Amino acid sequence: MDQNAQVLILPEGAFRTTGRDAQRNNIMAAKAVAETVRTTLGPRGMDKMLVDDMGDIVITNDGATIVDEMNVEHPAAKMVVEVAKTQDAEVGDGTTTAVVLTGELMANAEHLLDQGIHPTIIARGYQMAADKAQAILAKIGKTVALSDVKILEEIAVTAMTGKGAESNKEMLSKMSVKAVRMVAEEAEGKVTVDLDNIQIEKKEGGSIGGTELIEGLVIDKERVHSAMPKTVANAKIALLDAAIEVKDTETDAEIQITDPSQLQAFLDREEQMLKEMVEIIAKSGATVLFCQKGIDDMAQHFLSKEGVLAVRRVKKSDMEKLAKATGAKVVTNLKDLSKDDLGSAKSVEEEKVSGDEMIFVRGCKNPKAVSILVRGGTEHVVDEVERSLHDALGGVAAALEVGLIVAGGGAPEIEVARQLREYADSVGGREQLAVNAFAEALEIIPRTLAESAGMDAIDTLVKLRAKHEKEGPDIGVMVLSGKVDDMWKKGVIEPLKIKTQAIKSASEAAEMLLRIDDVIAGGRKSGPPMPPGGGMPPGMDGMGGMPGMM
């Protein structure tokens, strides 16, 4: 038997990279993704134009949107995209920070690998550094409460600075804080904010300045009958999860009609039933009806005669928000509807916005669900304003839920890096080198901010380190003035959760990627293997390779 016979384990077309090659590839992929979004960081961050295969365009500097739209293929790059998605889901802001940090942790690990340090030692050192970083951040965090409106507005402004909506950031930040404070719920000293209760509706046309916070809801529907009132003041609102129609019989039934009078009686009874349904609504005192299901044409006519503004086929999620906003109860059986089930609003009116009819429910008392109607010159502007609002709302909510905030402008990163270097001296063995590498990676944030402001990155880092030793943890990069300054006094404030989540996600992703020393990519399940270029396999171009085909 031939001792050198090749044993094929993997399917044809599979490829495999092992050892340092696998690590290098993963590091390069993580660095490439991070480098793509790095220039979008901070107030002077640039935007990216992303064009998909259909020709649709997205213009943004939101990290999560960029990495999501990039449609990456490399498995390690996909893990970095997951970091951004987690950050977006957990906090709503700081996605660029998380991605850039992941890339820098991988880049610094590469230097240590080149020095012959084992990947598991680097991973362990990173784990120790990440745990210590969380403890340092908890110490430097300052408390914030629902009543600190000015600080909350500064958080919203910081989140929006450098985004597409920057020109209107003051107005939008006030709107964001007001919306969050309306839907926030406080129990046992803890604040919870469900951002699903802040509905963002987009309509292009007008300018960003026309964006409006509605203390109630906007429903993208129109009234069911033109004879109904367009505006109802001091509205009494009924929410119905049942059809105002004559039900079909449960089983297949056959009704035999032998003369025309019977048919007329049948139709009259049907009409009578619809009339009775409408009478129940009118008797309850409702002047506005939102129905989750259909409303019969005849019922529409009766409702308009009663002066009720009715809307049909309202989404379930909108019904739930209407209940929270107006205080109404969703009724599933029309016969049970009474005046106790009704909600209220100062006004309900149908308005035309950019050619579409929409129902505005305004002036709700203590609403627990609100709407923001976003306006802007074009579809791309409106989308970017929505992303800016998403970041601002997420930042304010994260600050309130954790109750801790920190200065922005790279100040916390410099402080954590400084204290990590001190901590590294107490760590024995080679892990110490990994802790130092982690500290150095954190400084990519202030370094990038300095570069975007046209400052000398090295000089800025040296200044920041020196000032942190003497003046405390709030000194950061004031990008717009190109100076090193006290960020707290300048009102550049961020929720602590942005930092803790970014460090947690980035370090865990880096540790996982570092432990990989073998990448095995399977071949195709059936048919000839795909060549590396991704074209058609030999003999499959056109019909030439198909046997038996003329």
Foldseek 3Di string as FASTA:
>chain_A
DDPPDDDDDFDPQWDKFFFPVLLVVLLVLLLVLLVVLLQQDFLLRAWDWAQDPVRDIAIWSASLVVLVSVPDDDPSNVLLNVLLVVLCVQQVALSSVLSNLLSLLSVLVVVVVVVVDALLLLLVLLVVLLVLLVVLLVVQWDFDALPPLLLLLLQLLLLQRSFLCNVCSNVLSNLLSVQQSLQWDDDPNFIAGDCLLEAEAEDEDDAQVPKDWFLADKFQFAFPDPLADQKDFFFWEAAEAEELADDDDPDDDDDDDDDPVVVVVVVVVRLVSSLVLLVLCVQQVGQEYEYLAYYDPSNSVNNSVSNHGYTYNTDPSSSVSNCQSFVAAYHHDSNPDHNNRIGTARMWGWDQGNNGIMIGGHHHDSGNGIYIYGYHNDPNSSVRVVSSSSSSNSFSSLCRRVRTKAFDQLLSLLVSLLVLLVVLVVDDDPSSSSSNSSSVSSLSSLLSLLVSLVHDSVVQSVVSNVCCVPPNRQWHAPSVVNDTDRRVVVSRMTRSCSVSSSSVSSSVSSSVSSVDRMDMGHFDPDDRGQPPVRDDPPLPDPCRNPPPDD
